[in-house]
C-alpha atoms as a PDB file:
ATOM      1  CA  MET A   1      23.115 229.875  21.441  1.00  0.00           C
ATOM      2  CA  LEU A   2      26.540 229.515  22.977  1.00  0.00           C
ATOM      3  CA  ALA A   3      28.156 229.932  26.363  1.00  0.00           C
ATOM      4  CA  ARG A   4      31.157 232.030  27.277  1.00  0.00           C
ATOM      5  CA  SER A   5      33.568 230.984  29.985  1.00  0.00           C
ATOM      6  CA  GLY A   6      33.256 232.953  33.170  1.00  0.00           C
ATOM      7  CA  THR A   7      32.629 233.043  36.861  1.00  0.00           C
ATOM      8  CA  LEU A   8      29.296 231.606  37.890  1.00  0.00           C
ATOM      9  CA  PRO A   9      26.877 234.565  38.067  1.00  0.00           C
ATOM     10  CA  THR A  10      24.829 234.799  41.237  1.00  0.00           C
ATOM     11  CA  ARG A  11      23.125 238.177  40.874  1.00  0.00           C
ATOM     12  CA  GLY A  12      19.999 238.553  38.820  1.00  0.00           C
ATOM     13  CA  LEU A  13      17.506 236.071  37.423  1.00  0.00           C
ATOM     14  CA  TRP A  14      19.500 232.959  36.525  1.00  0.00           C
ATOM     15  CA  ALA A  15      18.766 229.281  36.053  1.00  0.00           C
ATOM     16  CA  TYR A  16      21.611 226.782  36.383  1.00  0.00           C
ATOM     17  CA  LYS A  17      22.104 223.392  34.768  1.00  0.00           C
ATOM     18  CA  VAL A  18      24.813 220.756  34.593  1.00  0.00           C
ATOM     19  CA  LYS A  19      27.209 221.209  31.677  1.00  0.00           C
ATOM     20  CA  TRP A  20      27.047 217.761  30.115  1.00  0.00           C
ATOM     21  CA  ASP A  21      30.176 216.252  28.598  1.00  0.00           C
ATOM     22  CA  GLY A  22      29.040 215.225  25.126  1.00  0.00           C
ATOM     23  CA  PHE A  23      28.273 216.480  21.610  1.00  0.00           C
ATOM     24  CA  ARG A  24      25.953 219.457  21.250  1.00  0.00           C
ATOM     25  CA  ALA A  25      23.088 218.720  18.876  1.00  0.00           C
ATOM     26  CA  ILE A  26      20.156 220.604  17.396  1.00  0.00           C
ATOM     27  CA  VAL A  27      17.399 218.105  16.569  1.00  0.00           C
ATOM     28  CA  ARG A  28      14.503 218.846  14.238  1.00  0.00           C
ATOM     29  CA  ALA A  29      12.085 216.042  15.010  1.00  0.00           C
ATOM     30  CA  GLY A  30       9.105 215.221  12.854  1.00  0.00           C
ATOM     31  CA  ALA A  31       8.579 214.758   9.113  1.00  0.00           C
ATOM     32  CA  ASP A  32      11.844 216.525   8.209  1.00  0.00           C
ATOM     33  CA  TYR A  33      14.040 214.811  10.823  1.00  0.00           C
ATOM     34  CA  ARG A  34      17.550 216.292  11.072  1.00  0.00           C
ATOM     35  CA  VAL A  35      20.342 216.281  13.648  1.00  0.00           C
ATOM     36  CA  ARG A  36      23.173 218.791  13.384  1.00  0.00           C
ATOM     37  CA  SER A  37      26.134 219.578  15.574  1.00  0.00           C
ATOM     38  CA  ARG A  38      26.821 223.081  16.831  1.00  0.00           C
ATOM     39  CA  ARG A  39      29.137 223.575  13.857  1.00  0.00           C
ATOM     40  CA  GLY A  40      26.687 222.182  11.283  1.00  0.00           C
ATOM     41  CA  TRP A  41      27.922 218.585  10.984  1.00  0.00           C
ATOM     42  CA  ASP A  42      25.015 216.410   9.818  1.00  0.00           C
ATOM     43  CA  MET A  43      24.672 213.632  12.399  1.00  0.00           C
ATOM     44  CA  THR A  44      21.194 212.495  11.290  1.00  0.00           C
ATOM     45  CA  ALA A  45      22.212 208.988  10.212  1.00  0.00           C
ATOM     46  CA  LEU A  46      24.265 208.452  13.391  1.00  0.00           C
ATOM     47  CA  VAL A  47      21.382 208.823  15.843  1.00  0.00           C
ATOM     48  CA  PRO A  48      18.258 207.291  14.282  1.00  0.00           C
ATOM     49  CA  GLU A  49      16.776 206.696  17.741  1.00  0.00           C
ATOM     50  CA  LEU A  50      16.045 210.424  18.060  1.00  0.00           C
ATOM     51  CA  GLN A  51      13.365 210.091  15.382  1.00  0.00           C
ATOM     52  CA  ALA A  52      11.119 209.015  18.275  1.00  0.00           C
ATOM     53  CA  LEU A  53      11.052 212.576  19.657  1.00  0.00           C
ATOM     54  CA  ALA A  54       7.827 214.560  19.461  1.00  0.00           C
ATOM     55  CA  PRO A  55       7.820 217.027  16.541  1.00  0.00           C
ATOM     56  CA  ALA A  56       9.729 220.166  17.587  1.00  0.00           C
ATOM     57  CA  VAL A  57      13.204 221.702  17.294  1.00  0.00           C
ATOM     58  CA  TYR A  58      15.371 220.940  20.319  1.00  0.00           C
ATOM     59  CA  ASP A  59      18.760 222.030  21.620  1.00  0.00           C
ATOM     60  CA  GLY A  60      20.696 219.643  23.816  1.00  0.00           C
ATOM     61  CA  GLU A  61      23.707 217.419  24.338  1.00  0.00           C
ATOM     62  CA  LEU A  62      24.283 213.816  23.227  1.00  0.00           C
ATOM     63  CA  VAL A  63      25.775 212.074  26.255  1.00  0.00           C
ATOM     64  CA  ALA A  64      26.958 208.537  27.044  1.00  0.00           C
ATOM     65  CA  PHE A  65      26.812 207.427  30.670  1.00  0.00           C
ATOM     66  CA  ASP A  66      29.094 204.990  32.454  1.00  0.00           C
ATOM     67  CA  ASP A  67      27.779 204.087  35.922  1.00  0.00           C
ATOM     68  CA  GLY A  68      25.644 207.243  35.905  1.00  0.00           C
ATOM     69  CA  ILE A  69      28.528 209.585  35.034  1.00  0.00           C
ATOM     70  CA  PRO A  70      28.955 211.131  31.562  1.00  0.00           C
ATOM     71  CA  TYR A  71      31.853 209.520  29.716  1.00  0.00           C
ATOM     72  CA  PHE A  72      32.971 211.481  26.647  1.00  0.00           C
ATOM     73  CA  PRO A  73      35.208 208.777  25.117  1.00  0.00           C
ATOM     74  CA  ASP A  74      32.087 206.620  24.629  1.00  0.00           C
ATOM     75  CA  VAL A  75      30.324 209.498  22.851  1.00  0.00           C
ATOM     76  CA  CYS A  76      33.292 209.651  20.479  1.00  0.00           C
ATOM     77  CA  SER A  77      33.185 205.879  19.969  1.00  0.00           C
ATOM     78  CA  ARG A  78      29.557 206.135  18.903  1.00  0.00           C
ATOM     79  CA  LEU A  79      29.601 209.307  16.799  1.00  0.00           C
ATOM     80  CA  LEU A  80      33.108 209.213  15.339  1.00  0.00           C
ATOM     81  CA  ASN A  81      33.723 205.457  15.104  1.00  0.00           C
ATOM     82  CA  GLY A  82      30.157 204.221  14.520  1.00  0.00           C
ATOM     83  CA  ASP A  83      30.000 201.965  17.585  1.00  0.00           C
ATOM     84  CA  ARG A  84      26.235 201.341  17.806  1.00  0.00           C
ATOM     85  CA  THR A  85      26.675 199.400  21.059  1.00  0.00           C
ATOM     86  CA  VAL A  86      27.137 202.743  22.845  1.00  0.00           C
ATOM     87  CA  GLN A  87      23.778 204.069  24.018  1.00  0.00           C
ATOM     88  CA  LEU A  88      23.427 207.841  23.880  1.00  0.00           C
ATOM     89  CA  VAL A  89      20.974 209.946  25.836  1.00  0.00           C
ATOM     90  CA  TYR A  90      19.885 213.286  24.426  1.00  0.00           C
ATOM     91  CA  MET A  91      19.951 215.721  27.362  1.00  0.00           C
ATOM     92  CA  VAL A  92      17.497 218.339  26.108  1.00  0.00           C
ATOM     93  CA  PHE A  93      17.840 221.831  27.562  1.00  0.00           C
ATOM     94  CA  ASP A  94      15.855 224.054  25.198  1.00  0.00           C
ATOM     95  CA  VAL A  95      13.057 224.055  22.622  1.00  0.00           C
ATOM     96  CA  LEU A  96      13.478 226.377  19.632  1.00  0.00           C
ATOM     97  CA  ALA A  97      10.227 225.633  17.781  1.00  0.00           C
ATOM     98  CA  LEU A  98       7.026 223.881  18.752  1.00  0.00           C
ATOM     99  CA  ASP A  99       3.705 223.334  16.990  1.00  0.00           C
ATOM    100  CA  GLY A 100       5.037 225.040  13.878  1.00  0.00           C
ATOM    101  CA  ARG A 101       6.048 228.271  15.609  1.00  0.00           C
ATOM    102  CA  ARG A 102       9.431 229.556  16.669  1.00  0.00           C
ATOM    103  CA  THR A 103       9.957 229.932  20.398  1.00  0.00           C
ATOM    104  CA  MET A 104      13.388 231.594  20.369  1.00  0.00           C
ATOM    105  CA  GLY A 105      11.869 235.041  21.051  1.00  0.00           C
ATOM    106  CA  LEU A 106      10.300 233.806  24.284  1.00  0.00           C
ATOM    107  CA  PRO A 107      12.147 234.169  27.601  1.00  0.00           C
ATOM    108  CA  TYR A 108      14.050 231.075  28.712  1.00  0.00           C
ATOM    109  CA  SER A 109      11.626 230.517  31.587  1.00  0.00           C
ATOM    110  CA  GLU A 110       8.731 230.230  29.085  1.00  0.00           C
ATOM    111  CA  ARG A 111      10.682 227.998  26.667  1.00  0.00           C
ATOM    112  CA  ARG A 112      11.569 225.816  29.620  1.00  0.00           C
ATOM    113  CA  ARG A 113       7.903 225.560  30.671  1.00  0.00           C
ATOM    114  CA  LEU A 114       6.980 224.490  27.120  1.00  0.00           C
ATOM    115  CA  LEU A 115       9.817 221.951  27.022  1.00  0.00           C
ATOM    116  CA  GLU A 116       8.722 220.353  30.270  1.00  0.00           C
ATOM    117  CA  GLN A 117       5.251 219.745  28.810  1.00  0.00           C
ATOM    118  CA  ILE A 118       6.605 217.668  25.900  1.00  0.00           C
ATOM    119  CA  ASP A 119       6.399 213.910  26.363  1.00  0.00           C
ATOM    120  CA  LEU A 120       9.893 212.636  25.526  1.00  0.00           C
ATOM    121  CA  PRO A 121      10.773 208.924  25.220  1.00  0.00           C
ATOM    122  CA  SER A 122      12.882 208.511  28.362  1.00  0.00           C
ATOM    123  CA  ASP A 123      15.051 205.773  26.875  1.00  0.00           C
ATOM    124  CA  VAL A 124      16.562 208.240  24.360  1.00  0.00           C
ATOM    125  CA  ALA A 125      15.887 211.770  25.650  1.00  0.00           C
ATOM    126  CA  VAL A 126      15.615 213.505  29.005  1.00  0.00           C
ATOM    127  CA  VAL A 127      14.899 217.127  29.861  1.00  0.00           C
ATOM    128  CA  SER A 128      18.019 218.319  31.649  1.00  0.00           C
ATOM    129  CA  ASP A 129      17.200 219.524  35.171  1.00  0.00           C
ATOM    130  CA  TRP A 130      17.671 223.151  36.097  1.00  0.00           C
ATOM    131  CA  PHE A 131      18.328 224.656  39.505  1.00  0.00           C
ATOM    132  CA  ASP A 132      17.888 227.983  41.296  1.00  0.00           C
ATOM    133  CA  ASP A 133      21.039 227.762  43.433  1.00  0.00           C
ATOM    134  CA  GLY A 134      24.132 227.940  41.224  1.00  0.00           C
ATOM    135  CA  PRO A 135      26.764 227.725  43.989  1.00  0.00           C
ATOM    136  CA  ALA A 136      25.091 224.635  45.484  1.00  0.00           C
ATOM    137  CA  LEU A 137      24.959 222.999  42.034  1.00  0.00           C
ATOM    138  CA  TRP A 138      28.641 223.870  41.504  1.00  0.00           C
ATOM    139  CA  ASP A 139      29.528 222.069  44.752  1.00  0.00           C
ATOM    140  CA  VAL A 140      27.645 218.941  43.615  1.00  0.00           C
ATOM    141  CA  VAL A 141      29.218 219.092  40.134  1.00  0.00           C
ATOM    142  CA  ARG A 142      32.709 219.224  41.610  1.00  0.00           C
ATOM    143  CA  GLU A 143      31.974 216.471  44.119  1.00  0.00           C
ATOM    144  CA  CYS A 144      30.605 214.177  41.380  1.00  0.00           C
ATOM    145  CA  GLY A 145      33.363 214.965  38.881  1.00  0.00           C
ATOM    146  CA  LEU A 146      31.001 216.468  36.286  1.00  0.00           C
ATOM    147  CA  GLU A 147      32.111 218.902  33.569  1.00  0.00           C
ATOM    148  CA  GLY A 148      30.683 222.138  34.919  1.00  0.00           C
ATOM    149  CA  VAL A 149      27.679 224.436  35.249  1.00  0.00           C
ATOM    150  CA  VAL A 150      25.895 226.600  32.671  1.00  0.00           C
ATOM    151  CA  ALA A 151      23.955 229.673  33.797  1.00  0.00           C
ATOM    152  CA  LYS A 152      21.087 231.033  31.691  1.00  0.00           C
ATOM    153  CA  ARG A 153      19.125 234.204  32.270  1.00  0.00           C
ATOM    154  CA  LEU A 154      15.488 233.359  32.959  1.00  0.00           C
ATOM    155  CA  ASP A 155      14.385 236.395  30.947  1.00  0.00           C
ATOM    156  CA  GLY A 156      16.862 235.725  28.112  1.00  0.00           C
ATOM    157  CA  HIS A 157      15.865 235.061  24.515  1.00  0.00           C
ATOM    158  CA  TYR A 158      17.573 232.402  22.393  1.00  0.00           C
ATOM    159  CA  LEU A 159      20.092 234.199  20.165  1.00  0.00           C
ATOM    160  CA  PRO A 160      21.719 231.740  17.713  1.00  0.00           C
ATOM    161  CA  GLY A 161      25.509 232.068  17.592  1.00  0.00           C
ATOM    162  CA  GLU A 162      25.632 234.552  20.480  1.00  0.00           C
ATOM    163  CA  ARG A 163      27.643 233.781  23.621  1.00  0.00           C
ATOM    164  CA  VAL A 164      25.101 234.822  26.224  1.00  0.00           C
ATOM    165  CA  TRP A 165      25.047 231.847  28.583  1.00  0.00           C
ATOM    166  CA  VAL A 166      27.874 231.565  31.116  1.00  0.00           C
ATOM    167  CA  LYS A 167      29.762 228.302  31.593  1.00  0.00           C
ATOM    168  CA  THR A 168      31.966 227.535  34.544  1.00  0.00           C
ATOM    169  CA  LYS A 169      34.062 224.438  33.901  1.00  0.00           C
ATOM    170  CA  ASN A 170      35.336 221.947  36.434  1.00  0.00           C
ATOM    171  CA  ARG A 171      38.974 221.643  35.311  1.00  0.00           C
ATOM    172  CA  GLU A 172      39.409 218.427  37.295  1.00  0.00           C
ATOM    173  CA  THR A 173      37.416 216.498  34.647  1.00  0.00           C
ATOM    174  CA  TRP A 174      39.827 217.576  31.902  1.00  0.00           C
ATOM    175  CA  TRP A 175      42.744 216.271  33.917  1.00  0.00           C
ATOM    176  CA  ARG A 176      40.998 212.918  34.414  1.00  0.00           C
ATOM    177  CA  TYR A 177      40.713 212.438  30.627  1.00  0.00           C
ATOM    178  CA  GLU A 178      44.299 213.557  30.105  1.00  0.00           C
ATOM    179  CA  LEU A 179      45.580 211.102  32.716  1.00  0.00           C
ATOM    180  CA  GLU A 180      43.537 208.304  31.116  1.00  0.00           C
ATOM    181  CA  ARG A 181      44.861 209.175  27.663  1.00  0.00           C
ATOM    182  CA  GLU A 182      48.462 209.181  28.914  1.00  0.00           C
ATOM    183  CA  GLY A 183      47.927 205.855  30.694  1.00  0.00           C
ATOM    184  CA  VAL A 184      48.687 207.330  34.114  1.00  0.00           C
ATOM    185  CA  ILE A 185      45.357 206.067  35.405  1.00  0.00           C
ATOM    186  CA  GLY A 186      43.147 203.353  33.966  1.00  0.00           C
ATOM    187  CA  ALA A 187      40.283 204.343  31.701  1.00  0.00           C
ATOM    188  CA  ARG A 188      36.818 203.966  33.171  1.00  0.00           C
ATOM    189  CA  ARG A 189      35.457 200.757  31.668  1.00  0.00           C
END
């Protein structure tokens, strides 16, 4: 499932989560372990630590943290340049199959309840928090310099390839990376 850019919705039944700055990954954990990017790139060999996840199919974001803040250049160092010194955390935000059955037809609120019951190894995977108050989360995201907020309908089903979620991006984070790249400000490290 994908997100479309838009204004943060506040009417209706929505859940809000931080938009993590990393690589989107679908993980099939268990006997047939696989990790694929949103566009189908096979990342299985690049993140062997995710084999420790309980058997299920997850949707989430591979994120590297620097002093508690996501730092995308480190994600690139790990996944594109093979730097195994970079520790990634899989920020899990959905479960697509569990106990051999697909969950995509369930409402997000039910998938979320199932996800929260799974025991994930906290050193490699964390269930991404969700919030009821989107505007308050947006204020925190901007204050902390995070990438943005994603809104998901609580009654929404998981529709692969569809742009149903709504993302509101904090443009200030893009400028930070651009200024680092151009050498105007020092890179975080």
